[in-house]
Amino acid sequence: TRALIAGFMKARTENLLGNQPRLADFLLRGDSGTRASGDVTRGRASFEMSHASSGGFWTRLRYARSREDALDSTYALAIFGRHIALRDNLLLGAMLQLDHAGSRDGIAEVEGQGWLVGPYAVYRLPDQPLVLSGQLLYGRSSNTVSPLGTYRDHFETERWLATLELTGEIVTPDWTLHPFLSARHARDRQQAYVDSLGNPIAAQQLQVSTLELGTELTRQLARRDGQQVLSGGLSALWSETRATGAATERSARLRLELGLGGTLPSGGRYKFGAFAEGLGSGGYTARGIEASYALDF
């Protein structure tokens, strides 16, 4: 039971860290409007929708499902945020995150839902295209586990999440680059309980830290019927996982993205792209395609 819960906590924490918003965009790109996108890889599919208003209110919704052998997993995350501009180059805000995760492997099943809440800040250096952003969130989760498919027990966890990111902007006559360096850390602690068979299930803790260095780039392509945008990105990701009673896990991998988008006569923006992740790691690999559509209103 403890091993089943540990695997569930690890997958949920990695999903949570991997789906955090890029706060620097509020000052660098001024994203507003509503956007929907989806992507698919072998055994995995996801859908995301976001909205941002000029008044500082924004939301992100994401749903993903994956299947590998007998393991079927789902993850959903909803984020609601609101910030105010203290100055033209300083935003202060708070966000609420709600997530749901489920995992079924044969007859064994774990699922849960939780929340995180806390402040965030975005600061742009005066007269410099360099943005520093960060957030600190605290939350809890309520979960159920059925290790044998015959009974179902309840357990709770307490969690923290912190991120710190430095993002720049380099504009040349042909390209716009956004280099970035981000550090993220999450901790989830399961509380001890006694299961339905009278067995004590000891407490355990999981910590995941990631460090990512990379750049995103775009290039405008002129056409007679409007504008098209060529985009791409390259990043290196290092991660470390520490869990109670287990050896520390460390991994490093590369991610490459390429895309082509444009603007429709209606004002909507579309994008088609492809990505490859895990390059050079010798272990985890993923490849896929994605499509998105955005409309400001």
Protein backbone atom coordinates (compact mmCIF):
# COMPACT_ATOMS: atom_id res chain seq x y z
CA THR A 1 0.00 0.00 0.00
CA ARG A 2 2.81 2.41 0.83
CA ALA A 3 4.53 1.68 -2.50
CA LEU A 4 1.25 2.25 -4.37
CA ILE A 5 0.71 5.57 -2.61
CA ALA A 6 4.34 6.62 -3.20
CA GLY A 7 4.05 6.03 -6.95
CA PHE A 8 0.79 7.99 -7.06
CA MET A 9 2.29 10.93 -5.14
CA LYS A 10 5.32 11.01 -7.45
CA ALA A 11 3.25 11.07 -10.65
CA ARG A 12 0.91 13.74 -9.28
CA THR A 13 3.75 15.96 -8.09
CA GLU A 14 5.56 15.73 -11.44
CA ASN A 15 2.33 16.67 -13.24
CA LEU A 16 1.82 19.58 -10.89
CA LEU A 17 5.34 20.95 -11.43
CA GLY A 18 5.22 20.43 -15.19
CA ASN A 19 1.98 22.39 -15.60
CA GLN A 20 2.80 25.55 -13.68
CA PRO A 21 2.09 28.84 -15.54
CA ARG A 22 4.84 30.99 -17.09
CA LEU A 23 4.26 34.14 -14.99
CA ALA A 24 6.77 36.26 -16.94
CA ASP A 25 4.39 36.30 -19.91
CA PHE A 26 2.17 38.81 -18.09
CA LEU A 27 4.88 41.47 -18.51
CA LEU A 28 6.81 40.26 -21.57
CA ARG A 29 3.99 39.27 -23.88
CA GLY A 30 0.88 40.74 -22.33
CA ASP A 31 -1.12 37.61 -23.20
CA SER A 32 -4.88 38.18 -23.13
CA GLY A 33 -7.94 36.49 -24.58
CA THR A 34 -8.95 32.85 -24.66
CA ARG A 35 -6.83 30.00 -26.00
CA ALA A 36 -7.42 26.27 -26.44
CA SER A 37 -4.88 23.63 -27.41
CA GLY A 38 -4.39 19.88 -27.48
CA ASP A 39 -1.56 17.44 -28.04
CA VAL A 40 -1.17 13.71 -28.41
CA THR A 41 1.73 11.27 -28.06
CA ARG A 42 1.86 7.50 -28.03
CA GLY A 43 -0.37 6.46 -25.14
CA ARG A 44 -1.02 10.01 -23.95
CA ALA A 45 -3.38 12.87 -24.82
CA SER A 46 -4.06 16.25 -23.21
CA PHE A 47 -6.23 19.33 -23.60
CA GLU A 48 -5.64 22.83 -22.25
CA MET A 49 -7.69 26.03 -22.17
CA SER A 50 -6.66 29.42 -20.79
CA HIS A 51 -8.13 32.89 -20.44
CA ALA A 52 -6.57 36.20 -19.38
CA SER A 53 -8.26 39.58 -19.13
CA SER A 54 -6.75 43.05 -19.19
CA GLY A 55 -7.92 43.51 -15.59
CA GLY A 56 -5.44 40.98 -14.22
CA PHE A 57 -7.77 37.97 -13.82
CA TRP A 58 -6.69 34.73 -15.51
CA THR A 59 -7.49 31.03 -15.53
CA ARG A 60 -5.83 27.85 -16.81
CA LEU A 61 -7.54 24.48 -17.24
CA ARG A 62 -5.68 21.32 -18.23
CA TYR A 63 -6.68 17.67 -18.55
CA ALA A 64 -4.38 14.78 -19.46
CA ARG A 65 -4.81 11.03 -19.74
CA SER A 66 -2.18 8.38 -20.35
CA ARG A 67 -1.99 4.61 -20.61
CA GLU A 68 1.12 2.45 -20.37
CA ASP A 69 0.67 -1.34 -20.28
CA ALA A 70 -1.96 -1.92 -17.55
CA LEU A 71 -1.49 1.50 -15.92
CA ASP A 72 -4.21 4.04 -16.71
CA SER A 73 -3.70 7.57 -15.31
CA THR A 74 -5.61 10.86 -15.45
CA TYR A 75 -4.72 14.34 -14.22
CA ALA A 76 -6.72 17.58 -14.22
CA LEU A 77 -5.57 21.01 -13.01
CA ALA A 78 -7.53 24.26 -12.71
CA ILE A 79 -5.75 27.52 -11.81
CA PHE A 80 -7.43 30.83 -10.96
CA GLY A 81 -5.27 33.93 -10.49
CA ARG A 82 -5.60 37.66 -10.01
CA HIS A 83 -2.89 40.33 -9.86
CA ILE A 84 -2.62 44.07 -9.61
CA ALA A 85 0.05 46.37 -11.06
CA LEU A 86 1.82 48.29 -8.30
CA ARG A 87 4.00 49.82 -11.02
CA ASP A 88 4.35 49.30 -14.76
CA ASN A 89 7.09 46.75 -14.06
CA LEU A 90 5.75 45.07 -10.90
CA LEU A 91 2.77 42.74 -10.49
CA LEU A 92 1.61 41.21 -7.20
CA GLY A 93 -1.10 38.58 -7.09
CA ALA A 94 -2.48 35.38 -5.64
CA MET A 95 -3.63 32.12 -7.17
CA LEU A 96 -5.71 29.09 -6.29
CA GLN A 97 -4.96 25.70 -7.83
CA LEU A 98 -7.34 22.72 -7.75
CA ASP A 99 -6.24 19.33 -9.05
CA HIS A 100 -7.56 15.80 -9.41
CA ALA A 101 -5.45 12.71 -10.08
CA GLY A 102 -6.37 9.09 -10.63
CA SER A 103 -4.36 5.93 -11.24
CA ARG A 104 -5.51 2.36 -11.92
CA ASP A 105 -3.12 -0.58 -12.33
CA GLY A 106 -5.02 -3.85 -12.61
CA ILE A 107 -7.21 -4.10 -9.52
CA ALA A 108 -5.22 -1.47 -7.58
CA GLU A 109 -6.56 2.07 -7.66
CA VAL A 110 -5.64 5.44 -6.12
CA GLU A 111 -7.33 8.78 -6.67
CA GLY A 112 -7.50 12.13 -4.95
CA GLN A 113 -8.18 15.82 -5.19
CA GLY A 114 -6.47 18.74 -3.55
CA TRP A 115 -5.83 22.46 -3.47
CA LEU A 116 -2.94 24.92 -3.30
CA VAL A 117 -3.11 28.64 -2.62
CA GLY A 118 -0.56 31.41 -2.25
CA PRO A 119 1.00 34.62 -3.58
CA TYR A 120 3.07 35.32 -6.67
CA ALA A 121 5.08 38.27 -8.00
CA VAL A 122 6.41 39.34 -11.39
CA TYR A 123 9.11 42.04 -11.66
CA ARG A 124 10.75 43.47 -14.77
CA LEU A 125 14.08 45.26 -14.46
CA PRO A 126 13.76 48.95 -15.38
CA ASP A 127 14.66 49.56 -19.02
CA GLN A 128 15.77 45.92 -19.37
CA PRO A 129 13.95 42.99 -21.04
CA LEU A 130 14.60 40.76 -18.02
CA VAL A 131 11.79 39.45 -15.81
CA LEU A 132 12.03 37.75 -12.41
CA SER A 133 8.96 35.83 -11.22
CA GLY A 134 8.13 33.53 -8.33
CA GLN A 135 5.36 31.90 -6.36
CA LEU A 136 4.90 30.09 -3.03
CA LEU A 137 1.87 27.85 -2.55
CA TYR A 138 0.57 25.71 0.32
CA GLY A 139 -2.14 23.09 0.16
CA ARG A 140 -3.59 19.74 1.14
CA SER A 141 -5.13 16.76 -0.61
CA SER A 142 -7.79 14.16 0.22
CA ASN A 143 -7.30 10.72 -1.33
CA THR A 144 -8.58 7.14 -1.46
CA VAL A 145 -6.62 3.95 -2.09
CA SER A 146 -7.83 0.44 -2.94
CA PRO A 147 -4.73 -1.80 -3.12
CA LEU A 148 -6.60 -5.12 -3.54
CA GLY A 149 -9.83 -3.97 -5.18
CA THR A 150 -11.85 -5.18 -2.16
CA TYR A 151 -11.77 -2.27 0.29
CA ARG A 152 -11.09 1.45 0.06
CA ASP A 153 -9.20 3.58 2.58
CA HIS A 154 -8.82 7.34 2.97
CA PHE A 155 -5.58 9.25 3.52
CA GLU A 156 -4.53 12.90 3.45
CA THR A 157 -1.38 14.75 2.41
CA GLU A 158 0.09 18.19 3.08
CA ARG A 159 2.08 19.90 0.34
CA TRP A 160 4.17 22.93 -0.61
CA LEU A 161 5.20 24.27 -4.03
CA ALA A 162 7.69 27.02 -4.87
CA THR A 163 9.00 28.33 -8.19
CA LEU A 164 11.55 30.96 -9.20
CA GLU A 165 12.18 31.93 -12.81
CA LEU A 166 14.34 34.39 -14.74
CA THR A 167 13.19 35.16 -18.29
CA GLY A 168 14.73 37.46 -20.90
CA GLU A 169 13.84 38.83 -24.30
CA ILE A 170 16.25 39.31 -27.23
CA VAL A 171 14.90 40.94 -30.39
CA THR A 172 16.80 40.84 -33.69
CA PRO A 173 15.61 41.88 -37.16
CA ASP A 174 14.68 38.24 -37.90
CA TRP A 175 14.11 36.49 -34.57
CA THR A 176 12.68 37.05 -31.09
CA LEU A 177 14.23 34.88 -28.37
CA HIS A 178 13.07 34.29 -24.80
CA PRO A 179 15.86 32.57 -22.85
CA PHE A 180 14.85 31.33 -19.40
CA LEU A 181 16.14 29.66 -16.26
CA SER A 182 13.61 28.17 -13.86
CA ALA A 183 13.84 26.33 -10.54
CA ARG A 184 10.85 24.46 -9.08
CA HIS A 185 10.40 22.50 -5.88
CA ALA A 186 7.43 20.58 -4.47
CA ARG A 187 6.97 18.58 -1.28
CA ASP A 188 4.09 16.22 -0.47
CA ARG A 189 3.75 14.47 2.91
CA GLN A 190 1.32 11.62 3.44
CA GLN A 191 -0.10 11.33 6.94
CA ALA A 192 -0.05 7.97 8.76
CA TYR A 193 -3.27 5.97 9.09
CA VAL A 194 -4.61 2.49 9.86
CA ASP A 195 -6.16 0.61 6.93
CA SER A 196 -9.37 -1.43 6.89
CA LEU A 197 -7.47 -4.63 7.75
CA GLY A 198 -5.94 -3.05 10.87
CA ASN A 199 -2.49 -2.56 9.35
CA PRO A 200 -0.65 0.68 10.27
CA ILE A 201 0.38 2.61 7.15
CA ALA A 202 3.35 4.77 8.11
CA ALA A 203 3.77 8.39 7.02
CA GLN A 204 6.00 9.12 4.04
CA GLN A 205 7.29 12.21 2.28
CA LEU A 206 8.18 13.01 -1.33
CA GLN A 207 10.27 15.93 -2.63
CA VAL A 208 10.79 16.78 -6.30
CA SER A 209 13.14 19.53 -7.52
CA THR A 210 13.70 20.58 -11.13
CA LEU A 211 16.05 23.00 -12.87
CA GLU A 212 15.42 23.97 -16.50
CA LEU A 213 17.54 26.08 -18.85
CA GLY A 214 16.48 26.88 -22.38
CA THR A 215 15.18 29.34 -24.92
CA GLU A 216 12.04 29.87 -26.99
CA LEU A 217 12.24 31.59 -30.36
CA THR A 218 9.87 32.97 -32.99
CA ARG A 219 10.25 34.42 -36.48
CA GLN A 220 7.67 36.35 -38.50
CA LEU A 221 7.16 35.06 -42.04
CA ALA A 222 5.56 37.58 -44.42
CA ARG A 223 2.86 36.31 -46.78
CA ARG A 224 0.50 38.01 -49.18
CA ASP A 225 -2.50 36.73 -47.24
CA GLY A 226 -1.18 37.72 -43.80
CA GLN A 227 1.48 36.73 -41.29
CA GLN A 228 2.81 33.35 -40.31
CA VAL A 229 5.06 32.63 -37.35
CA LEU A 230 7.80 30.03 -37.19
CA SER A 231 8.52 28.99 -33.61
CA GLY A 232 10.80 26.64 -31.78
CA GLY A 233 12.45 25.89 -28.49
CA LEU A 234 15.29 23.95 -26.91
CA SER A 235 15.67 23.26 -23.21
CA ALA A 236 17.63 21.06 -20.81
CA LEU A 237 15.84 19.72 -17.73
CA TRP A 238 17.45 18.28 -14.59
CA SER A 239 15.33 16.73 -11.84
CA GLU A 240 15.86 15.13 -8.45
CA THR A 241 13.36 13.04 -6.47
CA ARG A 242 13.74 12.19 -2.79
CA ALA A 243 11.27 9.81 -1.12
CA THR A 244 11.04 8.17 2.28
CA GLY A 245 12.72 4.77 2.24
CA ALA A 246 13.95 5.06 -1.35
CA ALA A 247 17.19 6.02 -3.02
CA THR A 248 17.45 9.52 -4.50
CA GLU A 249 16.61 9.59 -8.20
CA ARG A 250 18.30 12.04 -10.57
CA SER A 251 17.74 12.49 -14.30
CA ALA A 252 18.57 14.90 -17.12
CA ARG A 253 17.05 15.22 -20.58
CA LEU A 254 16.60 17.59 -23.53
CA ARG A 255 13.40 18.84 -25.18
CA LEU A 256 13.10 20.17 -28.74
CA GLU A 257 10.02 21.90 -30.19
CA LEU A 258 9.15 23.20 -33.67
CA GLY A 259 5.95 24.89 -34.77
CA LEU A 260 4.22 26.96 -37.44
CA GLY A 261 1.31 29.30 -36.78
CA GLY A 262 -0.57 32.22 -38.24
CA THR A 263 -3.58 34.52 -38.05
CA LEU A 264 -6.96 33.84 -39.64
CA PRO A 265 -9.21 36.55 -41.19
CA SER A 266 -11.51 36.18 -38.15
CA GLY A 267 -8.67 37.29 -35.87
CA GLY A 268 -8.04 33.85 -34.41
CA ARG A 269 -4.51 32.52 -34.09
CA TYR A 270 -3.60 28.91 -34.88
CA LYS A 271 -0.49 26.82 -34.37
CA PHE A 272 0.67 23.34 -35.34
CA GLY A 273 3.79 21.86 -33.84
CA ALA A 274 5.81 18.80 -32.92
CA PHE A 275 8.12 18.00 -30.03
CA ALA A 276 10.62 15.41 -28.88
CA GLU A 277 11.59 14.99 -25.22
CA GLY A 278 14.16 12.81 -23.55
CA LEU A 279 16.87 13.34 -26.16
CA GLY A 280 20.20 12.08 -24.89
CA SER A 281 18.77 10.62 -21.67
CA GLY A 282 18.91 6.98 -22.72
CA GLY A 283 15.73 6.39 -20.70
CA TYR A 284 12.43 8.28 -20.87
CA THR A 285 11.49 9.51 -24.36
CA ALA A 286 8.35 11.12 -25.76
CA ARG A 287 7.40 12.45 -29.16
CA GLY A 288 4.18 14.05 -30.27
CA ILE A 289 2.24 16.63 -32.24
CA GLU A 290 0.03 19.43 -31.00
CA ALA A 291 -2.47 21.95 -32.33
CA SER A 292 -3.82 25.15 -30.74
CA TYR A 293 -6.28 27.93 -31.49
CA ALA A 294 -6.51 31.29 -29.73
CA LEU A 295 -9.11 34.05 -29.97
CA ASP A 296 -9.13 37.35 -28.10
CA PHE A 297 -12.48 38.61 -26.82
